Amino acid sequence: MNFHAHETTVIDSPCEIGEGTRIWHFSHIMANCKIGERCNIGQNVVISPDVVLGNNVKIQNNVSVYTGVTCDDDVFLGPSCVFTNVTNPRSGVNRRGQYDKTHVGKGATIGANATIVCGHNIGAYAFIGAGAVVTKDVPAYALVVGNPSKQIGWMSEYGSRLHFNAEGHAVCGESGERYRLVDEGVRKELASAVADAGKTS
């Protein structure tokens, strides 16, 4: 076994768990899910059948990742955040096999106690504030808060708020990486492009 699982963890078979992943107390990994390398899965977490997690995904305590959810590499799921997978659940109606899909892009953060209503995708490096209720797709790098969630800005890949100047350029205060607004979205400028811009300025 090339991963660590606490003795109280329940792991159903078959499933795939990558090298260096750590799974903590009272968590349940269900059949046919795929978990990448170097993930950290906290206490009392449920990973439902057919869920796919990329590498270096960090899941805090008390999170249930239901069937229909996929997460790319480097996703952060905060404590007690919530996914749904049926839009109109009824106890007396069996809707198994009708699960809506939700995809969480690379490097995205979902804050504590946030709720992601199923069928809405989270873009790469998006940041969902604590307690937000997401009811529509979230663009890459977007910062959204509230219920229902509303975009209030943009975030860098390091998780710092981006402040764009009149020309549509911003610099991450932590990494120094540069970003620009394009077509109502955000793009990180490649280091080579930044260097070329410096030569011509």
Protein backbone atom coordinates (compact mmCIF):
# COMPACT_ATOMS: atom_id res chain seq x y z
CA MET A 1 0.00 0.00 0.00
CA ASN A 2 1.63 3.25 -1.15
CA PHE A 3 -0.78 5.57 0.71
CA HIS A 4 -1.64 6.13 4.37
CA ALA A 5 -5.11 5.43 5.76
CA HIS A 6 -6.02 5.73 9.43
CA GLU A 7 -7.23 2.48 10.98
CA THR A 8 -10.79 3.85 11.24
CA THR A 9 -10.99 4.57 7.51
CA VAL A 10 -13.32 2.38 5.42
CA ILE A 11 -12.10 1.73 1.87
CA ASP A 12 -14.42 -0.16 -0.46
CA SER A 13 -13.14 -2.19 -3.38
CA PRO A 14 -12.37 -1.55 -6.13
CA CYS A 15 -10.99 1.97 -6.03
CA GLU A 16 -7.76 3.68 -7.01
CA ILE A 17 -5.72 5.72 -4.51
CA GLY A 18 -2.49 7.39 -5.56
CA GLU A 19 0.93 7.33 -3.97
CA GLY A 20 1.49 9.57 -0.97
CA THR A 21 -2.20 10.22 -0.31
CA ARG A 22 -3.24 10.45 3.35
CA ILE A 23 -6.74 9.62 4.63
CA TRP A 24 -7.72 10.43 8.19
CA HIS A 25 -10.14 9.33 10.93
CA PHE A 26 -13.63 7.94 10.18
CA SER A 27 -13.54 8.66 6.44
CA HIS A 28 -15.20 6.43 3.85
CA ILE A 29 -13.80 5.86 0.38
CA MET A 30 -16.47 4.16 -1.73
CA ALA A 31 -16.10 1.82 -4.68
CA ASN A 32 -14.97 2.88 -8.15
CA CYS A 33 -13.64 6.28 -7.15
CA LYS A 34 -10.24 7.48 -8.31
CA ILE A 35 -8.02 9.53 -5.99
CA GLY A 36 -4.75 11.00 -7.23
CA GLU A 37 -1.32 11.25 -5.67
CA ARG A 38 -0.41 13.33 -2.58
CA CYS A 39 -4.00 14.09 -1.64
CA ASN A 40 -4.94 14.86 1.96
CA ILE A 41 -8.41 13.72 3.00
CA GLY A 42 -9.46 14.92 6.43
CA GLN A 43 -11.63 13.50 9.18
CA ASN A 44 -15.19 12.31 8.50
CA VAL A 45 -14.99 12.68 4.72
CA VAL A 46 -17.07 10.60 2.29
CA ILE A 47 -15.88 10.05 -1.28
CA SER A 48 -18.81 8.54 -3.20
CA PRO A 49 -18.66 6.05 -6.08
CA ASP A 50 -17.17 7.22 -9.39
CA VAL A 51 -15.80 10.49 -7.95
CA VAL A 52 -12.49 11.52 -9.54
CA LEU A 53 -9.91 13.59 -7.64
CA GLY A 54 -6.67 14.83 -9.22
CA ASN A 55 -3.28 15.08 -7.57
CA ASN A 56 -2.62 17.17 -4.44
CA VAL A 57 -6.31 17.69 -3.65
CA LYS A 58 -6.84 18.80 -0.04
CA ILE A 59 -10.19 18.03 1.60
CA GLN A 60 -10.83 19.37 5.08
CA ASN A 61 -13.04 17.74 7.74
CA ASN A 62 -16.72 16.87 7.29
CA VAL A 63 -16.95 17.06 3.50
CA SER A 64 -19.00 14.68 1.32
CA VAL A 65 -17.94 14.52 -2.32
CA TYR A 66 -20.88 12.94 -4.10
CA THR A 67 -21.12 10.95 -7.32
CA GLY A 68 -20.97 13.32 -10.28
CA VAL A 69 -18.18 15.49 -8.86
CA THR A 70 -14.71 15.64 -10.41
CA CYS A 71 -11.81 17.76 -9.15
CA ASP A 72 -8.65 18.63 -11.06
CA ASP A 73 -5.19 18.86 -9.46
CA ASP A 74 -4.54 21.18 -6.50
CA VAL A 75 -8.18 21.76 -5.53
CA PHE A 76 -8.88 22.84 -1.92
CA LEU A 77 -12.22 21.89 -0.33
CA GLY A 78 -12.75 23.76 2.94
CA PRO A 79 -14.31 22.40 6.15
CA SER A 80 -17.94 21.28 5.84
CA CYS A 81 -18.37 22.54 2.28
CA VAL A 82 -21.25 20.86 0.47
CA PHE A 83 -21.83 19.37 -2.97
CA THR A 84 -25.23 18.29 -4.22
CA ASN A 85 -25.93 15.95 -7.13
CA VAL A 86 -29.71 16.07 -7.60
CA THR A 87 -31.55 19.34 -8.26
CA ASN A 88 -34.99 18.19 -7.10
CA PRO A 89 -34.55 15.46 -4.47
CA ARG A 90 -37.53 13.68 -2.93
CA SER A 91 -37.26 10.96 -0.33
CA GLY A 92 -40.04 8.98 -2.07
CA VAL A 93 -38.57 9.27 -5.58
CA ASN A 94 -35.49 7.28 -6.61
CA ARG A 95 -33.31 9.46 -8.83
CA ARG A 96 -30.18 7.34 -8.82
CA GLY A 97 -28.57 7.49 -12.21
CA GLN A 98 -29.89 11.02 -12.76
CA TYR A 99 -27.03 12.76 -10.99
CA ASP A 100 -25.94 16.13 -12.35
CA LYS A 101 -22.22 16.63 -12.87
CA THR A 102 -20.02 19.27 -11.23
CA HIS A 103 -16.43 19.89 -12.26
CA VAL A 104 -13.94 21.81 -10.10
CA GLY A 105 -10.99 23.19 -12.09
CA LYS A 106 -7.31 23.09 -11.28
CA GLY A 107 -6.23 25.06 -8.22
CA ALA A 108 -9.74 26.20 -7.26
CA THR A 109 -10.65 26.87 -3.61
CA ILE A 110 -14.06 26.23 -2.07
CA GLY A 111 -14.36 27.90 1.33
CA ALA A 112 -15.74 26.54 4.58
CA ASN A 113 -19.49 25.81 4.59
CA ALA A 114 -19.92 26.82 0.95
CA THR A 115 -22.58 24.97 -1.06
CA ILE A 116 -22.12 24.03 -4.71
CA VAL A 117 -25.48 23.34 -6.33
CA CYS A 118 -25.00 20.51 -8.80
CA GLY A 119 -24.60 21.04 -12.52
CA HIS A 120 -22.45 24.15 -12.13
CA ASN A 121 -18.75 24.10 -12.87
CA ILE A 122 -16.00 25.93 -11.00
CA GLY A 123 -13.23 27.35 -13.19
CA ALA A 124 -9.51 26.93 -12.61
CA TYR A 125 -8.14 28.98 -9.68
CA ALA A 126 -11.60 30.32 -8.82
CA PHE A 127 -12.14 31.20 -5.16
CA ILE A 128 -15.51 30.47 -3.50
CA GLY A 129 -15.85 32.43 -0.26
CA ALA A 130 -16.89 30.82 3.02
CA GLY A 131 -20.62 30.20 3.19
CA ALA A 132 -21.30 31.06 -0.45
CA VAL A 133 -24.07 29.24 -2.34
CA VAL A 134 -23.04 28.67 -5.95
CA THR A 135 -26.03 28.51 -8.32
CA LYS A 136 -24.28 29.10 -11.67
CA ASP A 137 -20.96 28.44 -13.37
CA VAL A 138 -17.97 30.28 -11.92
CA PRO A 139 -15.29 31.58 -14.33
CA ALA A 140 -11.61 30.81 -13.92
CA TYR A 141 -9.88 33.10 -11.38
CA ALA A 142 -13.23 34.55 -10.20
CA LEU A 143 -13.85 35.49 -6.56
CA VAL A 144 -17.47 34.83 -5.55
CA VAL A 145 -19.26 35.31 -2.22
CA GLY A 146 -22.78 35.39 -0.80
CA ASN A 147 -26.11 33.61 -1.21
CA PRO A 148 -26.74 33.27 -4.06
CA SER A 149 -23.09 33.78 -4.91
CA LYS A 150 -22.02 36.89 -6.77
CA GLN A 151 -18.66 37.64 -8.33
CA ILE A 152 -16.89 40.53 -6.59
CA GLY A 153 -13.44 40.31 -8.14
CA TRP A 154 -10.58 38.15 -9.34
CA MET A 155 -7.91 36.07 -7.58
CA SER A 156 -4.38 35.08 -8.52
CA GLU A 157 -3.15 31.50 -8.59
CA TYR A 158 -1.57 32.19 -5.19
CA GLY A 159 -4.93 33.20 -3.73
CA SER A 160 -4.35 36.98 -3.59
CA ARG A 161 -6.94 39.52 -4.70
CA LEU A 162 -6.10 41.05 -8.08
CA HIS A 163 -6.53 44.78 -8.66
CA PHE A 164 -6.52 45.69 -12.34
CA ASN A 165 -5.40 49.08 -13.63
CA ALA A 166 -7.10 51.07 -16.38
CA GLU A 167 -5.19 49.08 -19.01
CA GLY A 168 -6.47 45.79 -17.60
CA HIS A 169 -3.22 44.62 -15.99
CA ALA A 170 -2.65 43.35 -12.44
CA VAL A 171 0.24 41.93 -10.42
CA CYS A 172 -0.12 39.29 -7.71
CA GLY A 173 1.16 40.77 -4.45
CA GLU A 174 2.59 37.41 -3.33
CA SER A 175 4.15 35.91 -6.43
CA GLY A 176 4.76 38.94 -8.64
CA GLU A 177 3.03 37.11 -11.49
CA ARG A 178 1.15 39.33 -13.94
CA TYR A 179 -2.42 38.97 -15.13
CA ARG A 180 -4.60 40.74 -17.65
CA LEU A 181 -8.28 41.02 -18.40
CA VAL A 182 -9.30 39.48 -21.73
CA ASP A 183 -12.80 38.87 -23.10
CA GLU A 184 -14.47 39.29 -19.69
CA GLY A 185 -12.02 36.82 -18.14
CA VAL A 186 -8.51 36.71 -16.70
CA ARG A 187 -5.33 35.29 -18.19
CA LYS A 188 -1.95 34.90 -16.53
CA GLU A 189 0.82 36.38 -18.65
CA LEU A 190 3.68 34.03 -19.47
CA ALA A 191 7.08 34.99 -18.12
CA SER A 192 8.42 35.33 -21.67
CA ALA A 193 5.63 37.75 -22.58
CA VAL A 194 6.35 39.87 -19.50
CA ALA A 195 10.06 39.97 -20.33
CA ASP A 196 9.33 40.99 -23.94
CA ALA A 197 7.00 43.75 -22.73
CA GLY A 198 9.78 45.08 -20.49
CA LYS A 199 12.19 45.28 -23.41
CA THR A 200 9.78 47.40 -25.47
CA SER A 201 8.61 49.71 -22.68
